């Protein structure tokens, strides 16, 4: 099979990376919604410990992404780091399946997020390097779509299996290894990468921002500012319940969000390639500001359903397109490092974002959490407009000099 063969219009690496993310997200989302229930109902753990476990897990993933990206560029390898990351996450499943205490679950979540931290930057670099510049938005949109589709099927499969096994969480945890193993096999058998020229020790990439120009640094700062106001989706769910959505309907409202997210990702990527990635990103910032303002003032359940639907559209507009834009402003030899820095900055910003969101909720009002997010998104949009103006002016001045 030739590497340049197209699958539904996508290169083999892009198509297979999408399948890999689909199967791994099925595996992860079979477990993720059940872990808090397992901790509380089976192991009798209190909520503060559950929060500690998730905080450690997510921080681990965020910190590792930058080092994984740098290491991938340094050794000139993407595929096997990607396979190792997915493999580590898959091997974390037996730990939670056999858990008899919360520390076992924390170990499993740490290992799972460790794997995510290892694989993310090399995977994004493979997608970028396997795609023509004019189709980057479409490629990353497809990847986000497949990833989110896995997030739809994972919980559905988990609750189906719970019915079969009489709410036995451990059986679901064991069976989640199957889609994870499929993901790893797909990488080993079908992902390929070009062999890179051997670099001497002094030529190998170093972990520094000196390789990147002001466009990259400014864009990462804007994305980080935006992330500070983008608190955990847990607050959206809490807001839905606060307004009056019955608890039994909340899984359906979250399913609606994921479906629209998945469906909109590819069209958003195509639109970004055709009309400009900057325009789509700016539209996403503005839409988020409007949506969070809507969550702040929402008074009825119908409004919440509409807001969740548009929130899925926002995610489709931004997640893949931002990475596609990033791929156009970074040096080719430092793609994985750049994606690692970007993912780490965003991930670390999410920790204070949720702390601020929770503090505002408890000490001022639930609406204050969303007013804050709306304000930071608006500021991000303003700074991004300045970014566009400055970079366009610089580009035009270079053309004039060349003339």
Protein backbone atom coordinates (compact mmCIF):
# COMPACT_ATOMS: atom_id res chain seq x y z
CA UNK A 1 0.00 0.00 0.00
CA UNK A 2 1.50 3.34 -1.00
CA UNK A 3 1.71 6.11 1.52
CA UNK A 4 0.30 8.69 -0.92
CA UNK A 5 -2.96 6.80 -1.38
CA UNK A 6 -6.03 8.81 -0.40
CA UNK A 7 -8.78 7.59 1.94
CA UNK A 8 -11.97 9.65 1.63
CA UNK A 9 -9.80 12.50 0.36
CA UNK A 10 -7.26 12.31 3.22
CA UNK A 11 -3.69 11.05 3.17
CA UNK A 12 -3.12 7.70 4.85
CA UNK A 13 -1.38 9.11 7.92
CA UNK A 14 -4.15 11.66 8.49
CA UNK A 15 -6.91 9.09 8.00
CA UNK A 16 -5.25 6.50 10.26
CA UNK A 17 -4.48 9.13 12.94
CA UNK A 18 -8.19 9.95 12.92
CA UNK A 19 -9.09 6.28 13.40
CA UNK A 20 -6.51 5.99 16.18
CA UNK A 21 -8.02 8.92 18.05
CA UNK A 22 -11.53 7.53 17.53
CA UNK A 23 -10.68 4.17 19.09
CA UNK A 24 -8.64 5.66 21.92
CA UNK A 25 -11.39 8.12 22.77
CA UNK A 26 -13.91 5.26 22.81
CA UNK A 27 -11.58 3.53 25.29
CA UNK A 28 -11.03 6.66 27.41
CA UNK A 29 -14.67 7.77 27.46
CA UNK A 30 -15.81 4.27 28.47
CA UNK A 31 -13.90 4.94 31.69
CA UNK A 32 -13.87 8.71 32.27
CA UNK A 33 -17.59 9.22 33.15
CA UNK A 34 -17.53 6.15 35.41
CA UNK A 35 -14.40 6.91 37.43
CA UNK A 36 -16.05 9.51 39.73
CA UNK A 37 -19.00 7.14 40.28
CA UNK A 38 -16.63 4.23 40.94
CA UNK A 39 -14.64 6.30 43.44
CA UNK A 40 -17.71 7.61 45.26
CA UNK A 41 -20.05 4.60 45.12
CA UNK A 42 -17.65 1.63 45.21
CA UNK A 43 -14.56 2.94 47.03
CA UNK A 44 -16.37 5.54 49.18
CA UNK A 45 -14.00 8.41 48.32
CA UNK A 46 -14.97 12.03 49.09
CA UNK A 47 -15.19 14.77 46.44
CA UNK A 48 -12.00 16.60 47.47
CA UNK A 49 -9.92 13.49 46.75
CA UNK A 50 -11.67 13.06 43.40
CA UNK A 51 -10.73 16.65 42.56
CA UNK A 52 -7.12 16.02 43.62
CA UNK A 53 -6.90 12.96 41.36
CA UNK A 54 -8.17 14.86 38.32
CA UNK A 55 -5.97 17.88 39.03
CA UNK A 56 -2.80 15.76 39.21
CA UNK A 57 -3.80 13.79 36.11
CA UNK A 58 -4.50 16.80 33.89
CA UNK A 59 -1.45 18.74 35.09
CA UNK A 60 0.74 15.77 34.23
CA UNK A 61 -0.54 15.68 30.66
CA UNK A 62 -0.06 19.42 30.19
CA UNK A 63 3.52 19.50 31.48
CA UNK A 64 4.62 16.50 29.45
CA UNK A 65 3.40 17.77 26.07
CA UNK A 66 6.16 20.34 25.65
CA UNK A 67 8.91 17.87 26.56
CA UNK A 68 7.45 15.19 24.33
CA UNK A 69 7.31 17.59 21.39
CA UNK A 70 10.90 18.74 21.94
CA UNK A 71 12.12 15.13 22.32
CA UNK A 72 10.32 14.12 19.11
CA UNK A 73 12.07 16.88 17.16
CA UNK A 74 15.40 16.06 18.81
CA UNK A 75 15.41 12.35 17.92
CA UNK A 76 13.64 12.89 14.59
CA UNK A 77 10.87 10.42 15.37
CA UNK A 78 7.09 10.79 15.66
CA UNK A 79 5.53 7.36 15.09
CA UNK A 80 7.06 5.41 17.94
CA UNK A 81 6.55 8.15 20.52
CA UNK A 82 2.95 8.31 19.38
CA UNK A 83 2.61 4.52 19.70
CA UNK A 84 4.27 4.57 23.14
CA UNK A 85 1.88 7.25 24.37
CA UNK A 86 -1.22 5.39 23.24
CA UNK A 87 0.22 2.13 24.58
CA UNK A 88 0.88 3.60 28.04
CA UNK A 89 -2.71 4.87 28.25
CA UNK A 90 -4.08 1.46 27.25
CA UNK A 91 -1.95 -0.31 29.86
CA UNK A 92 -3.39 1.97 32.58
CA UNK A 93 -6.78 0.23 32.30
CA UNK A 94 -5.98 -2.91 34.33
CA UNK A 95 -4.83 -0.74 37.26
CA UNK A 96 -8.25 0.89 37.65
CA UNK A 97 -10.01 -2.43 36.95
CA UNK A 98 -8.15 -4.02 39.88
CA UNK A 99 -8.26 -0.96 42.15
CA UNK A 100 -9.09 -1.45 45.82
CA UNK A 101 -8.22 2.09 46.95
CA UNK A 102 -8.26 5.63 45.60
CA UNK A 103 -4.46 5.66 45.26
CA UNK A 104 -4.74 2.88 42.64
CA UNK A 105 -7.21 4.98 40.66
CA UNK A 106 -4.88 7.98 40.93
CA UNK A 107 -2.05 5.83 39.61
CA UNK A 108 -4.19 4.73 36.67
CA UNK A 109 -5.28 8.29 35.84
CA UNK A 110 -1.68 9.52 36.17
CA UNK A 111 -0.49 6.79 33.79
CA UNK A 112 -3.32 7.48 31.33
CA UNK A 113 -2.58 11.22 31.23
CA UNK A 114 1.16 10.51 31.07
CA UNK A 115 0.45 8.61 27.86
CA UNK A 116 -1.61 11.51 26.54
CA UNK A 117 1.21 13.92 27.30
CA UNK A 118 3.68 11.72 25.39
CA UNK A 119 1.56 11.21 22.27
CA UNK A 120 -0.16 14.54 21.58
CA UNK A 121 2.64 16.67 20.10
CA UNK A 122 4.19 13.92 17.90
CA UNK A 123 0.72 13.03 16.59
CA UNK A 124 -0.08 16.65 15.71
CA UNK A 125 3.31 16.94 13.99
CA UNK A 126 2.64 13.81 11.92
CA UNK A 127 -0.69 15.25 10.76
CA UNK A 128 0.93 18.59 9.87
CA UNK A 129 3.84 16.97 8.02
CA UNK A 130 1.53 14.63 6.09
CA UNK A 131 -0.74 17.42 4.80
CA UNK A 132 -0.39 20.08 2.15
CA UNK A 133 -0.44 23.58 3.59
CA UNK A 134 -3.68 24.44 1.78
CA UNK A 135 -5.52 21.51 3.44
CA UNK A 136 -4.31 21.79 7.03
CA UNK A 137 -7.65 23.03 8.36
CA UNK A 138 -9.47 20.14 6.74
CA UNK A 139 -6.97 17.60 8.10
CA UNK A 140 -7.07 18.83 11.70
CA UNK A 141 -10.84 19.24 11.44
CA UNK A 142 -11.16 15.59 10.41
CA UNK A 143 -8.98 14.54 13.33
CA UNK A 144 -11.05 16.50 15.84
CA UNK A 145 -14.23 15.09 14.33
CA UNK A 146 -13.05 11.48 14.73
CA UNK A 147 -11.78 12.16 18.24
CA UNK A 148 -15.11 13.64 19.29
CA UNK A 149 -17.06 10.85 17.61
CA UNK A 150 -15.19 8.48 19.91
CA UNK A 151 -16.33 10.64 22.84
CA UNK A 152 -19.91 10.02 21.72
CA UNK A 153 -19.62 6.25 21.32
CA UNK A 154 -17.50 5.65 24.45
CA UNK A 155 -20.13 6.64 27.07
CA UNK A 156 -22.90 5.00 25.05
CA UNK A 157 -20.95 1.73 24.99
CA UNK A 158 -20.11 2.03 28.70
CA UNK A 159 -23.72 2.42 29.79
CA UNK A 160 -24.78 -0.41 27.45
CA UNK A 161 -22.16 -2.68 29.05
CA UNK A 162 -23.21 -1.60 32.55
CA UNK A 163 -26.69 -2.87 31.74
CA UNK A 164 -25.31 -6.21 30.58
CA UNK A 165 -22.97 -6.66 33.56
CA UNK A 166 -25.37 -5.36 36.22
CA UNK A 167 -23.48 -2.10 36.92
CA UNK A 168 -20.14 -3.87 37.35
CA UNK A 169 -17.69 -1.04 36.66
CA UNK A 170 -14.67 -3.34 36.60
CA UNK A 171 -15.89 -5.30 33.56
CA UNK A 172 -16.26 -2.05 31.63
CA UNK A 173 -12.73 -1.02 32.64
CA UNK A 174 -11.32 -4.33 31.41
CA UNK A 175 -13.20 -4.20 28.10
CA UNK A 176 -12.01 -0.64 27.46
CA UNK A 177 -8.58 -2.12 26.67
CA UNK A 178 -9.89 -3.54 23.38
CA UNK A 179 -10.40 -0.25 21.48
CA UNK A 180 -7.16 1.04 23.04
CA UNK A 181 -5.24 -1.96 21.71
CA UNK A 182 -6.78 -1.43 18.25
CA UNK A 183 -5.51 2.17 18.31
CA UNK A 184 -1.94 1.05 19.06
CA UNK A 185 -2.00 -1.62 16.34
CA UNK A 186 -3.22 0.93 13.77
CA UNK A 187 -0.21 3.14 14.53
CA UNK A 188 2.29 0.27 14.30
CA UNK A 189 0.87 -1.19 11.09
CA UNK A 190 -0.24 1.84 9.08
CA UNK A 191 1.42 5.09 10.23
CA UNK A 192 4.59 5.90 8.28
CA UNK A 193 7.01 8.81 8.41
CA UNK A 194 9.85 9.94 6.22
CA UNK A 195 13.32 9.19 7.49
CA UNK A 196 15.04 12.40 8.49
CA UNK A 197 18.68 13.21 7.97
CA UNK A 198 20.85 12.41 10.98
CA UNK A 199 21.67 15.52 12.99
CA UNK A 200 24.82 15.97 15.02
CA UNK A 201 24.50 16.68 18.72
CA UNK A 202 25.01 20.44 18.20
CA UNK A 203 22.41 20.54 15.38
CA UNK A 204 19.63 18.84 17.33
CA UNK A 205 16.72 21.03 18.48
CA UNK A 206 17.02 22.47 21.96
CA UNK A 207 14.09 23.26 24.25
CA UNK A 208 13.97 27.02 23.73
CA UNK A 209 11.67 29.68 22.33
CA UNK A 210 14.49 31.13 20.21
CA UNK A 211 13.40 28.98 17.26
CA UNK A 212 10.04 30.75 17.04
CA UNK A 213 9.17 34.23 15.86
CA UNK A 214 6.89 36.81 17.45
CA UNK A 215 3.81 35.53 15.60
CA UNK A 216 4.01 32.17 17.36
CA UNK A 217 4.66 33.70 20.80
CA UNK A 218 1.87 36.27 20.44
CA UNK A 219 -0.63 33.66 19.24
CA UNK A 220 0.21 31.31 22.13
CA UNK A 221 -0.28 34.21 24.58
CA UNK A 222 -3.68 35.01 23.04
CA UNK A 223 -4.74 31.35 23.17
CA UNK A 224 -3.57 31.14 26.80
CA UNK A 225 -5.54 34.26 27.76
CA UNK A 226 -8.61 32.73 26.18
CA UNK A 227 -8.04 29.45 28.05
CA UNK A 228 -7.92 31.28 31.42
CA UNK A 229 -11.60 32.15 30.94
CA UNK A 230 -12.53 28.78 29.46
CA UNK A 231 -13.23 26.92 32.70
CA UNK A 232 -13.99 23.20 32.88
CA UNK A 233 -17.12 21.96 31.10
CA UNK A 234 -18.21 20.74 34.53
CA UNK A 235 -19.43 24.30 35.17
CA UNK A 236 -21.61 24.18 32.04
CA UNK A 237 -23.21 20.99 33.35
CA UNK A 238 -23.68 22.54 36.79
CA UNK A 239 -25.24 25.60 35.17
CA UNK A 240 -27.66 23.40 33.24
CA UNK A 241 -28.73 21.73 36.47
CA UNK A 242 -28.91 25.10 38.26
CA UNK A 243 -31.28 26.50 35.62
CA UNK A 244 -33.53 23.44 35.86
CA UNK A 245 -32.42 20.72 33.43
CA UNK A 246 -33.27 17.37 35.09
CA UNK A 247 -30.24 15.29 36.06
CA UNK A 248 -31.47 12.41 33.90
CA UNK A 249 -31.38 14.68 30.81
CA UNK A 250 -27.85 16.02 31.33
CA UNK A 251 -26.14 13.07 29.55
CA UNK A 252 -28.36 13.77 26.53
CA UNK A 253 -27.53 17.47 26.51
CA UNK A 254 -23.81 16.60 26.64
CA UNK A 255 -24.34 14.07 23.84
CA UNK A 256 -25.90 16.86 21.75
CA UNK A 257 -22.80 18.99 22.36
CA UNK A 258 -20.43 16.20 21.27
CA UNK A 259 -22.48 15.33 18.18
CA UNK A 260 -22.50 18.92 16.90
CA UNK A 261 -18.81 19.25 17.80
CA UNK A 262 -18.01 16.16 15.74
CA UNK A 263 -20.24 17.07 12.78
CA UNK A 264 -18.98 20.67 12.54
CA UNK A 265 -15.23 20.01 12.79
CA UNK A 266 -14.63 18.96 9.16
CA UNK A 267 -16.79 21.73 7.57
CA UNK A 268 -15.04 24.24 9.86
CA UNK A 269 -11.66 23.00 8.67
CA UNK A 270 -12.71 23.21 5.01
CA UNK A 271 -14.08 26.74 5.58
CA UNK A 272 -10.81 27.72 7.25
CA UNK A 273 -8.78 26.48 4.26
CA UNK A 274 -11.06 28.32 1.84
CA UNK A 275 -11.87 31.59 3.63
CA UNK A 276 -8.89 31.93 5.97
CA UNK A 277 -8.00 30.32 9.28
CA UNK A 278 -7.69 33.67 11.04
CA UNK A 279 -11.30 34.54 10.22
CA UNK A 280 -12.58 31.22 11.57
CA UNK A 281 -10.53 31.53 14.78
CA UNK A 282 -11.78 35.09 15.33
CA UNK A 283 -15.36 33.92 14.73
CA UNK A 284 -14.81 31.23 17.37
CA UNK A 285 -13.59 33.75 19.97
CA UNK A 286 -16.57 36.02 19.36
CA UNK A 287 -19.03 33.11 19.43
CA UNK A 288 -17.61 31.92 22.76
CA UNK A 289 -17.98 35.40 24.28
CA UNK A 290 -21.64 35.46 23.20
CA UNK A 291 -22.29 31.92 24.44
CA UNK A 292 -20.78 32.47 27.89
CA UNK A 293 -22.79 35.67 28.21
CA UNK A 294 -25.82 33.55 27.29
CA UNK A 295 -24.99 30.99 30.00
CA UNK A 296 -24.65 33.87 32.48
CA UNK A 297 -28.15 35.25 31.83
CA UNK A 298 -29.97 31.98 30.95
CA UNK A 299 -33.27 31.54 32.81
CA UNK A 300 -34.90 28.50 31.19
CA UNK A 301 -33.96 25.00 30.05
CA UNK A 302 -34.74 25.63 26.37
CA UNK A 303 -32.05 28.31 26.29
CA UNK A 304 -29.56 25.89 27.86
CA UNK A 305 -30.21 23.29 25.15
CA UNK A 306 -29.64 25.91 22.43
CA UNK A 307 -26.47 27.17 24.11
CA UNK A 308 -25.03 23.65 24.39
CA UNK A 309 -25.71 23.10 20.68
CA UNK A 310 -23.86 26.28 19.73
CA UNK A 311 -21.09 25.42 22.19
CA UNK A 312 -20.51 22.27 20.14
CA UNK A 313 -20.29 24.47 17.04
CA UNK A 314 -17.73 26.70 18.79
CA UNK A 315 -15.56 23.67 19.59
CA UNK A 316 -15.76 22.52 15.98
CA UNK A 317 -14.70 25.98 14.81
CA UNK A 318 -11.67 26.32 17.05
CA UNK A 319 -9.98 23.11 18.21
CA UNK A 320 -8.65 21.81 14.89
CA UNK A 321 -8.42 25.18 13.11
CA UNK A 322 -6.14 26.71 15.74
CA UNK A 323 -3.68 23.84 15.31
CA UNK A 324 -3.92 24.16 11.53
CA UNK A 325 -3.08 27.87 11.78
CA UNK A 326 -0.24 27.14 14.19
CA UNK A 327 1.29 24.74 11.65
CA UNK A 328 1.65 27.63 9.18
CA UNK A 329 3.68 29.90 11.49
CA UNK A 330 6.28 27.49 12.89
CA UNK A 331 9.57 26.23 11.41
CA UNK A 332 9.34 22.78 9.81
CA UNK A 333 12.13 21.36 12.02
CA UNK A 334 10.36 22.30 15.26
CA UNK A 335 6.74 21.34 14.63
CA UNK A 336 6.41 18.89 17.52
CA UNK A 337 8.14 21.30 19.92
CA UNK A 338 5.75 24.07 18.88
CA UNK A 339 2.66 21.90 19.31
CA UNK A 340 4.00 20.80 22.68
CA UNK A 341 4.50 24.39 23.86
CA UNK A 342 1.04 25.35 22.63
CA UNK A 343 -0.71 22.37 24.25
CA UNK A 344 1.19 22.84 27.52
CA UNK A 345 0.32 26.54 27.73
CA UNK A 346 -3.37 25.85 27.09
CA UNK A 347 -3.45 22.90 29.47
CA UNK A 348 -1.77 24.74 32.33
CA UNK A 349 -4.10 27.72 31.89
CA UNK A 350 -7.09 25.43 32.39
CA UNK A 351 -6.08 24.77 36.00
CA UNK A 352 -6.40 28.41 37.21
CA UNK A 353 -9.40 28.79 34.88
CA UNK A 354 -11.35 26.21 36.84
CA UNK A 355 -10.13 27.55 40.19
CA UNK A 356 -11.27 31.06 39.24
CA UNK A 357 -14.56 29.71 37.87
CA UNK A 358 -15.27 27.81 41.07
CA UNK A 359 -14.33 30.75 43.31
CA UNK A 360 -16.58 33.14 41.36
CA UNK A 361 -19.44 30.61 41.52
CA UNK A 362 -19.15 30.13 45.30
CA UNK A 363 -18.33 33.70 46.36
CA UNK A 364 -20.18 35.93 43.89
CA UNK A 365 -22.74 34.03 41.79
CA UNK A 366 -22.99 31.23 39.19
CA UNK A 367 -23.42 33.90 36.51
CA UNK A 368 -20.09 35.52 37.47
CA UNK A 369 -18.20 32.45 36.24
CA UNK A 370 -19.59 32.95 32.76
CA UNK A 371 -19.30 36.74 32.73
CA UNK A 372 -15.59 36.26 33.41
CA UNK A 373 -15.24 33.80 30.51
CA UNK A 374 -17.12 36.16 28.21
CA UNK A 375 -14.81 39.05 29.12
CA UNK A 376 -11.57 37.06 28.57
CA UNK A 377 -12.89 35.77 25.23
CA UNK A 378 -13.73 39.33 24.16
CA UNK A 379 -10.22 40.48 25.12
CA UNK A 380 -8.76 37.53 23.17
CA UNK A 381 -10.77 38.58 20.11
CA UNK A 382 -9.47 42.16 20.41
CA UNK A 383 -5.85 41.01 20.74
CA UNK A 384 -6.30 38.59 17.83
CA UNK A 385 -7.58 41.44 15.63
CA UNK A 386 -4.43 43.38 16.58
CA UNK A 387 -2.40 40.26 15.76
CA UNK A 388 -3.99 40.11 12.30
CA UNK A 389 -3.39 43.82 11.65
CA UNK A 390 0.24 43.69 12.79
CA UNK A 391 1.14 40.54 10.85
CA UNK A 392 -0.60 41.77 7.68
CA UNK A 393 1.18 45.14 7.92
CA UNK A 394 4.54 43.42 8.41
CA UNK A 395 3.86 41.09 5.48
CA UNK A 396 2.91 43.98 3.17
CA UNK A 397 5.97 45.99 4.20
CA UNK A 398 8.21 43.04 3.34
CA UNK A 399 6.62 42.83 -0.10
CA UNK A 400 7.25 46.57 -0.66
CA UNK A 401 10.90 46.18 0.38
CA UNK A 402 11.34 43.25 -2.00
CA UNK A 403 9.86 45.30 -4.83
